[in-house]
Amino acid sequence: FIALHGRYGEDGAVQGALELLGIPYTGSGVM
């Protein structure tokens, strides 16, 4: 559950890492 705000949490960075780890996450995708 992504409760991060701003850079590295809301900008696709952590989303990309979770994609690579294969862990489903809340909210929008990388792009």
PDB file of all heavy atoms in Angstrom:
ATOM      1  N   PHE A   1       0.879  -1.170   0.000  1.00  0.00           N
ATOM      2  CA  PHE A   1       0.000   0.000   0.000  1.00  0.00           C
ATOM      3  C   PHE A   1       0.916   1.221   0.000  1.00  0.00           C
ATOM      4  O   PHE A   1       1.650   1.448   0.957  1.00  0.00           O
ATOM      5  CB  PHE A   1      -0.906   0.010   1.235  1.00  0.00           C
ATOM      6  CG  PHE A   1      -2.022   1.029   1.164  1.00  0.00           C
ATOM      7  CD1 PHE A   1      -3.338   0.626   1.128  1.00  0.00           C
ATOM      8  CD2 PHE A   1      -1.739   2.392   1.129  1.00  0.00           C
ATOM      9  CE1 PHE A   1      -4.373   1.551   1.053  1.00  0.00           C
ATOM     10  CE2 PHE A   1      -2.760   3.330   1.053  1.00  0.00           C
ATOM     11  CZ  PHE A   1      -4.078   2.909   1.016  1.00  0.00           C
ATOM     12  N   ILE A   2       0.890   1.977  -1.080  1.00  0.00           N
ATOM     13  CA  ILE A   2       1.797   3.126  -1.205  1.00  0.00           C
ATOM     14  C   ILE A   2       1.179   4.338  -0.516  1.00  0.00           C
ATOM     15  O   ILE A   2       0.204   4.925  -1.005  1.00  0.00           O
ATOM     16  CB  ILE A   2       2.104   3.429  -2.678  1.00  0.00           C
ATOM     17  CG1 ILE A   2       2.815   2.234  -3.322  1.00  0.00           C
ATOM     18  CG2 ILE A   2       2.967   4.694  -2.790  1.00  0.00           C
ATOM     19  CD1 ILE A   2       3.095   2.402  -4.803  1.00  0.00           C
ATOM     20  N   ALA A   3       1.740   4.713   0.629  1.00  0.00           N
ATOM     21  CA  ALA A   3       1.346   5.932   1.330  1.00  0.00           C
ATOM     22  C   ALA A   3       2.485   6.946   1.276  1.00  0.00           C
ATOM     23  O   ALA A   3       2.593   7.822   2.137  1.00  0.00           O
ATOM     24  CB  ALA A   3       0.963   5.615   2.772  1.00  0.00           C
ATOM     25  N   LEU A   4       3.341   6.801   0.280  1.00  0.00           N
ATOM     26  CA  LEU A   4       4.426   7.749   0.042  1.00  0.00           C
ATOM     27  C   LEU A   4       3.890   8.924  -0.771  1.00  0.00           C
ATOM     28  O   LEU A   4       2.998   8.762  -1.604  1.00  0.00           O
ATOM     29  CB  LEU A   4       5.560   7.071  -0.732  1.00  0.00           C
ATOM     30  CG  LEU A   4       6.231   5.891  -0.038  1.00  0.00           C
ATOM     31  CD1 LEU A   4       7.067   5.093  -1.032  1.00  0.00           C
ATOM     32  CD2 LEU A   4       7.111   6.385   1.119  1.00  0.00           C
ATOM     33  N   HIS A   5       4.439  10.112  -0.534  1.00  0.00           N
ATOM     34  CA  HIS A   5       4.052  11.298  -1.295  1.00  0.00           C
ATOM     35  C   HIS A   5       5.305  11.927  -1.900  1.00  0.00           C
ATOM     36  O   HIS A   5       6.385  11.896  -1.318  1.00  0.00           O
ATOM     37  CB  HIS A   5       3.358  12.320  -0.397  1.00  0.00           C
ATOM     38  CG  HIS A   5       2.193  11.779   0.370  1.00  0.00           C
ATOM     39  ND1 HIS A   5       1.232  10.982  -0.197  1.00  0.00           N
ATOM     40  CD2 HIS A   5       1.838  11.925   1.676  1.00  0.00           C
ATOM     41  CE1 HIS A   5       0.327  10.666   0.711  1.00  0.00           C
ATOM     42  NE2 HIS A   5       0.685  11.212   1.864  1.00  0.00           N
ATOM     43  N   GLY A   6       5.137  12.510  -3.075  1.00  0.00           N
ATOM     44  CA  GLY A   6       6.248  13.241  -3.673  1.00  0.00           C
ATOM     45  C   GLY A   6       7.239  12.334  -4.386  1.00  0.00           C
ATOM     46  O   GLY A   6       6.935  11.210  -4.774  1.00  0.00           O
ATOM     47  N   ARG A   7       8.435  12.843  -4.543  1.00  0.00           N
ATOM     48  CA  ARG A   7       9.456  12.140  -5.316  1.00  0.00           C
ATOM     49  C   ARG A   7       9.820  10.797  -4.687  1.00  0.00           C
ATOM     50  O   ARG A   7       9.814  10.643  -3.474  1.00  0.00           O
ATOM     51  CB  ARG A   7      10.705  13.007  -5.419  1.00  0.00           C
ATOM     52  CG  ARG A   7      10.459  14.261  -6.238  1.00  0.00           C
ATOM     53  CD  ARG A   7      11.746  14.971  -6.513  1.00  0.00           C
ATOM     54  NE  ARG A   7      11.479  16.331  -6.958  1.00  0.00           N
ATOM     55  CZ  ARG A   7      12.390  17.110  -7.508  1.00  0.00           C
ATOM     56  NH1 ARG A   7      13.611  16.657  -7.676  1.00  0.00           N
ATOM     57  NH2 ARG A   7      12.080  18.324  -7.891  1.00  0.00           N
ATOM     58  N   TYR A   8      10.161   9.886  -5.562  1.00  0.00           N
ATOM     59  CA  TYR A   8      10.575   8.522  -5.212  1.00  0.00           C
ATOM     60  C   TYR A   8       9.418   7.672  -4.672  1.00  0.00           C
ATOM     61  O   TYR A   8       9.606   6.489  -4.423  1.00  0.00           O
ATOM     62  CB  TYR A   8      11.742   8.526  -4.203  1.00  0.00           C
ATOM     63  CG  TYR A   8      12.843   9.474  -4.569  1.00  0.00           C
ATOM     64  CD1 TYR A   8      13.112  10.595  -3.791  1.00  0.00           C
ATOM     65  CD2 TYR A   8      13.594   9.283  -5.724  1.00  0.00           C
ATOM     66  CE1 TYR A   8      14.113  11.497  -4.141  1.00  0.00           C
ATOM     67  CE2 TYR A   8      14.594  10.169  -6.079  1.00  0.00           C
ATOM     68  CZ  TYR A   8      14.848  11.274  -5.290  1.00  0.00           C
ATOM     69  OH  TYR A   8      15.831  12.165  -5.643  1.00  0.00           O
ATOM     70  N   GLY A   9       8.237   8.269  -4.502  1.00  0.00           N
ATOM     71  CA  GLY A   9       7.117   7.500  -4.004  1.00  0.00           C
ATOM     72  C   GLY A   9       5.864   7.659  -4.836  1.00  0.00           C
ATOM     73  O   GLY A   9       5.029   6.770  -4.901  1.00  0.00           O
ATOM     74  N   GLU A  10       5.764   8.821  -5.489  1.00  0.00           N
ATOM     75  CA  GLU A  10       4.561   9.134  -6.256  1.00  0.00           C
ATOM     76  C   GLU A  10       4.899   9.390  -7.725  1.00  0.00           C
ATOM     77  O   GLU A  10       4.029   9.721  -8.510  1.00  0.00           O
ATOM     78  CB  GLU A  10       3.903  10.383  -5.634  1.00  0.00           C
ATOM     79  CG  GLU A  10       2.477  10.623  -6.034  1.00  0.00           C
ATOM     80  CD  GLU A  10       1.814  11.734  -5.224  1.00  0.00           C
ATOM     81  OE1 GLU A  10       2.418  12.233  -4.249  1.00  0.00           O
ATOM     82  OE2 GLU A  10       0.675  12.095  -5.568  1.00  0.00           O
ATOM     83  N   ASP A  11       6.172   9.237  -8.090  1.00  0.00           N
ATOM     84  CA  ASP A  11       6.628   9.657  -9.414  1.00  0.00           C
ATOM     85  C   ASP A  11       6.992   8.502 -10.339  1.00  0.00           C
ATOM     86  O   ASP A  11       7.627   8.700 -11.369  1.00  0.00           O
ATOM     87  CB  ASP A  11       7.838  10.587  -9.271  1.00  0.00           C
ATOM     88  CG  ASP A  11       9.023   9.918  -8.591  1.00  0.00           C
ATOM     89  OD1 ASP A  11       8.900   8.741  -8.180  1.00  0.00           O
ATOM     90  OD2 ASP A  11      10.080  10.574  -8.470  1.00  0.00           O
ATOM     91  N   GLY A  12       6.601   7.291  -9.981  1.00  0.00           N
ATOM     92  CA  GLY A  12       6.904   6.128 -10.810  1.00  0.00           C
ATOM     93  C   GLY A  12       8.131   5.361 -10.379  1.00  0.00           C
ATOM     94  O   GLY A  12       8.343   4.229 -10.822  1.00  0.00           O
ATOM     95  N   ALA A  13       8.958   5.946  -9.497  1.00  0.00           N
ATOM     96  CA  ALA A  13      10.202   5.280  -9.099  1.00  0.00           C
ATOM     97  C   ALA A  13       9.924   4.016  -8.289  1.00  0.00           C
ATOM     98  O   ALA A  13      10.395   2.923  -8.632  1.00  0.00           O
ATOM     99  CB  ALA A  13      11.081   6.250  -8.306  1.00  0.00           C
ATOM    100  N   VAL A  14       9.173   4.150  -7.197  1.00  0.00           N
ATOM    101  CA  VAL A  14       8.891   2.964  -6.369  1.00  0.00           C
ATOM    102  C   VAL A  14       7.955   2.012  -7.111  1.00  0.00           C
ATOM    103  O   VAL A  14       8.041   0.783  -6.949  1.00  0.00           O
ATOM    104  CB  VAL A  14       8.325   3.376  -4.986  1.00  0.00           C
ATOM    105  CG1 VAL A  14       6.868   3.795  -5.067  1.00  0.00           C
ATOM    106  CG2 VAL A  14       8.476   2.238  -3.981  1.00  0.00           C
ATOM    107  N   GLN A  15       7.100   2.570  -7.961  1.00  0.00           N
ATOM    108  CA  GLN A  15       6.209   1.709  -8.755  1.00  0.00           C
ATOM    109  C   GLN A  15       7.031   0.801  -9.672  1.00  0.00           C
ATOM    110  O   GLN A  15       6.730  -0.395  -9.825  1.00  0.00           O
ATOM    111  CB  GLN A  15       5.243   2.570  -9.569  1.00  0.00           C
ATOM    112  CG  GLN A  15       4.157   3.267  -8.767  1.00  0.00           C
ATOM    113  CD  GLN A  15       4.614   4.522  -8.042  1.00  0.00           C
ATOM    114  OE1 GLN A  15       5.734   4.983  -8.210  1.00  0.00           O
ATOM    115  NE2 GLN A  15       3.726   5.093  -7.243  1.00  0.00           N
ATOM    116  N   GLY A  16       8.079   1.357 -10.287  1.00  0.00           N
ATOM    117  CA  GLY A  16       8.937   0.551 -11.146  1.00  0.00           C
ATOM    118  C   GLY A  16       9.658  -0.540 -10.384  1.00  0.00           C
ATOM    119  O   GLY A  16       9.783  -1.679 -10.849  1.00  0.00           O
ATOM    120  N   ALA A  17      10.108  -0.210  -9.166  1.00  0.00           N
ATOM    121  CA  ALA A  17      10.782  -1.213  -8.339  1.00  0.00           C
ATOM    122  C   ALA A  17       9.828  -2.347  -7.972  1.00  0.00           C
ATOM    123  O   ALA A  17      10.193  -3.530  -8.008  1.00  0.00           O
ATOM    124  CB  ALA A  17      11.336  -0.554  -7.074  1.00  0.00           C
ATOM    125  N   LEU A  18       8.591  -1.992  -7.638  1.00  0.00           N
ATOM    126  CA  LEU A  18       7.609  -3.017  -7.274  1.00  0.00           C
ATOM    127  C   LEU A  18       7.230  -3.875  -8.472  1.00  0.00           C
ATOM    128  O   LEU A  18       6.955  -5.071  -8.333  1.00  0.00           O
ATOM    129  CB  LEU A  18       6.375  -2.360  -6.653  1.00  0.00           C
ATOM    130  CG  LEU A  18       6.621  -1.705  -5.285  1.00  0.00           C
ATOM    131  CD1 LEU A  18       5.427  -0.846  -4.879  1.00  0.00           C
ATOM    132  CD2 LEU A  18       6.916  -2.752  -4.212  1.00  0.00           C
ATOM    133  N   GLU A  19       7.233  -3.274  -9.673  1.00  0.00           N
ATOM    134  CA  GLU A  19       6.999  -4.064 -10.883  1.00  0.00           C
ATOM    135  C   GLU A  19       8.080  -5.132 -11.025  1.00  0.00           C
ATOM    136  O   GLU A  19       7.795  -6.305 -11.315  1.00  0.00           O
ATOM    137  CB  GLU A  19       7.004  -3.156 -12.122  1.00  0.00           C
ATOM    138  CG  GLU A  19       5.813  -2.236 -12.252  1.00  0.00           C
ATOM    139  CD  GLU A  19       4.534  -2.926 -12.674  1.00  0.00           C
ATOM    140  OE1 GLU A  19       4.611  -4.009 -13.290  1.00  0.00           O
ATOM    141  OE2 GLU A  19       3.454  -2.396 -12.375  1.00  0.00           O
ATOM    142  N   LEU A  20       9.330  -4.740 -10.817  1.00  0.00           N
ATOM    143  CA  LEU A  20      10.432  -5.688 -10.947  1.00  0.00           C
ATOM    144  C   LEU A  20      10.369  -6.771  -9.873  1.00  0.00           C
ATOM    145  O   LEU A  20      10.731  -7.928 -10.121  1.00  0.00           O
ATOM    146  CB  LEU A  20      11.769  -4.947 -10.863  1.00  0.00           C
ATOM    147  CG  LEU A  20      12.124  -4.086 -12.080  1.00  0.00           C
ATOM    148  CD1 LEU A  20      13.335  -3.224 -11.785  1.00  0.00           C
ATOM    149  CD2 LEU A  20      12.377  -4.967 -13.298  1.00  0.00           C
ATOM    150  N   LEU A  21       9.904  -6.397  -8.693  1.00  0.00           N
ATOM    151  CA  LEU A  21       9.784  -7.364  -7.606  1.00  0.00           C
ATOM    152  C   LEU A  21       8.543  -8.236  -7.745  1.00  0.00           C
ATOM    153  O   LEU A  21       8.419  -9.249  -7.062  1.00  0.00           O
ATOM    154  CB  LEU A  21       9.745  -6.636  -6.256  1.00  0.00           C
ATOM    155  CG  LEU A  21      11.045  -5.928  -5.847  1.00  0.00           C
ATOM    156  CD1 LEU A  21      10.797  -5.032  -4.645  1.00  0.00           C
ATOM    157  CD2 LEU A  21      12.143  -6.947  -5.532  1.00  0.00           C
ATOM    158  N   GLY A  22       7.616  -7.808  -8.616  1.00  0.00           N
ATOM    159  CA  GLY A  22       6.384  -8.577  -8.805  1.00  0.00           C
ATOM    160  C   GLY A  22       5.416  -8.463  -7.649  1.00  0.00           C
ATOM    161  O   GLY A  22       4.617  -9.375  -7.404  1.00  0.00           O
ATOM    162  N   ILE A  23       5.450  -7.328  -6.926  1.00  0.00           N
ATOM    163  CA  ILE A  23       4.572  -7.123  -5.768  1.00  0.00           C
ATOM    164  C   ILE A  23       3.479  -6.125  -6.143  1.00  0.00           C
ATOM    165  O   ILE A  23       3.775  -4.947  -6.388  1.00  0.00           O
ATOM    166  CB  ILE A  23       5.371  -6.610  -4.550  1.00  0.00           C
ATOM    167  CG1 ILE A  23       6.412  -7.658  -4.136  1.00  0.00           C
ATOM    168  CG2 ILE A  23       4.436  -6.283  -3.386  1.00  0.00           C
ATOM    169  CD1 ILE A  23       7.358  -7.187  -3.043  1.00  0.00           C
ATOM    170  N   PRO A  24       2.216  -6.545  -6.226  1.00  0.00           N
ATOM    171  CA  PRO A  24       1.129  -5.625  -6.571  1.00  0.00           C
ATOM    172  C   PRO A  24       1.054  -4.460  -5.581  1.00  0.00           C
ATOM    173  O   PRO A  24       1.268  -4.636  -4.382  1.00  0.00           O
ATOM    174  CB  PRO A  24      -0.124  -6.501  -6.483  1.00  0.00           C
ATOM    175  CG  PRO A  24       0.376  -7.899  -6.659  1.00  0.00           C
ATOM    176  CD  PRO A  24       1.727  -7.929  -6.026  1.00  0.00           C
ATOM    177  N   TYR A  25       0.716  -3.292  -6.108  1.00  0.00           N
ATOM    178  CA  TYR A  25       0.714  -2.077  -5.290  1.00  0.00           C
ATOM    179  C   TYR A  25      -0.521  -1.237  -5.603  1.00  0.00           C
ATOM    180  O   TYR A  25      -1.137  -1.368  -6.661  1.00  0.00           O
ATOM    181  CB  TYR A  25       1.983  -1.262  -5.540  1.00  0.00           C
ATOM    182  CG  TYR A  25       2.242  -0.948  -7.003  1.00  0.00           C
ATOM    183  CD1 TYR A  25       1.761   0.224  -7.587  1.00  0.00           C
ATOM    184  CD2 TYR A  25       2.957  -1.828  -7.805  1.00  0.00           C
ATOM    185  CE1 TYR A  25       1.996   0.507  -8.933  1.00  0.00           C
ATOM    186  CE2 TYR A  25       3.196  -1.552  -9.145  1.00  0.00           C
ATOM    187  CZ  TYR A  25       2.712  -0.383  -9.702  1.00  0.00           C
ATOM    188  OH  TYR A  25       2.930  -0.105 -11.034  1.00  0.00           O
ATOM    189  N   THR A  26      -0.855  -0.371  -4.669  1.00  0.00           N
ATOM    190  CA  THR A  26      -2.005   0.511  -4.827  1.00  0.00           C
ATOM    191  C   THR A  26      -1.655   1.689  -5.729  1.00  0.00           C
ATOM    192  O   THR A  26      -0.507   2.094  -5.841  1.00  0.00           O
ATOM    193  CB  THR A  26      -2.472   1.049  -3.467  1.00  0.00           C
ATOM    194  OG1 THR A  26      -1.355   1.685  -2.818  1.00  0.00           O
ATOM    195  CG2 THR A  26      -2.995  -0.060  -2.592  1.00  0.00           C
ATOM    196  N   GLY A  27      -2.680   2.224  -6.365  1.00  0.00           N
ATOM    197  CA  GLY A  27      -2.514   3.445  -7.145  1.00  0.00           C
ATOM    198  C   GLY A  27      -2.057   3.207  -8.563  1.00  0.00           C
ATOM    199  O   GLY A  27      -2.048   2.072  -9.066  1.00  0.00           O
ATOM    200  N   SER A  28      -1.672   4.297  -9.216  1.00  0.00           N
ATOM    201  CA  SER A  28      -1.339   4.271 -10.631  1.00  0.00           C
ATOM    202  C   SER A  28      -0.028   3.562 -10.908  1.00  0.00           C
ATOM    203  O   SER A  28       0.827   3.426 -10.023  1.00  0.00           O
ATOM    204  CB  SER A  28      -1.276   5.708 -11.172  1.00  0.00           C
ATOM    205  OG  SER A  28      -2.565   6.281 -11.219  1.00  0.00           O
ATOM    206  N   GLY A  29       0.128   3.155 -12.165  1.00  0.00           N
ATOM    207  CA  GLY A  29       1.332   2.477 -12.607  1.00  0.00           C
ATOM    208  C   GLY A  29       2.484   3.429 -12.849  1.00  0.00           C
ATOM    209  O   GLY A  29       2.420   4.626 -12.536  1.00  0.00           O
ATOM    210  N   VAL A  30       3.541   2.917 -13.459  1.00  0.00           N
ATOM    211  CA  VAL A  30       4.787   3.667 -13.616  1.00  0.00           C
ATOM    212  C   VAL A  30       4.587   4.921 -14.467  1.00  0.00           C
ATOM    213  O   VAL A  30       4.917   6.038 -14.044  1.00  0.00           O
ATOM    214  CB  VAL A  30       5.874   2.765 -14.238  1.00  0.00           C
ATOM    215  CG1 VAL A  30       7.155   3.565 -14.478  1.00  0.00           C
ATOM    216  CG2 VAL A  30       6.150   1.559 -13.346  1.00  0.00           C
ATOM    217  N   MET A  31       4.037   4.774 -15.656  1.00  0.00           N
ATOM    218  CA  MET A  31       3.931   5.913 -16.564  1.00  0.00           C
ATOM    219  C   MET A  31       2.968   6.968 -16.047  1.00  0.00           C
ATOM    220  O   MET A  31       3.290   8.169 -16.042  1.00  0.00           O
ATOM    221  CB  MET A  31       3.500   5.459 -17.952  1.00  0.00           C
ATOM    222  CG  MET A  31       3.475   6.601 -18.968  1.00  0.00           C
ATOM    223  SD  MET A  31       3.088   6.067 -20.641  1.00  0.00           S
ATOM    224  CE  MET A  31       1.337   5.677 -20.461  1.00  0.00           C
TER     225      MET A  31
END
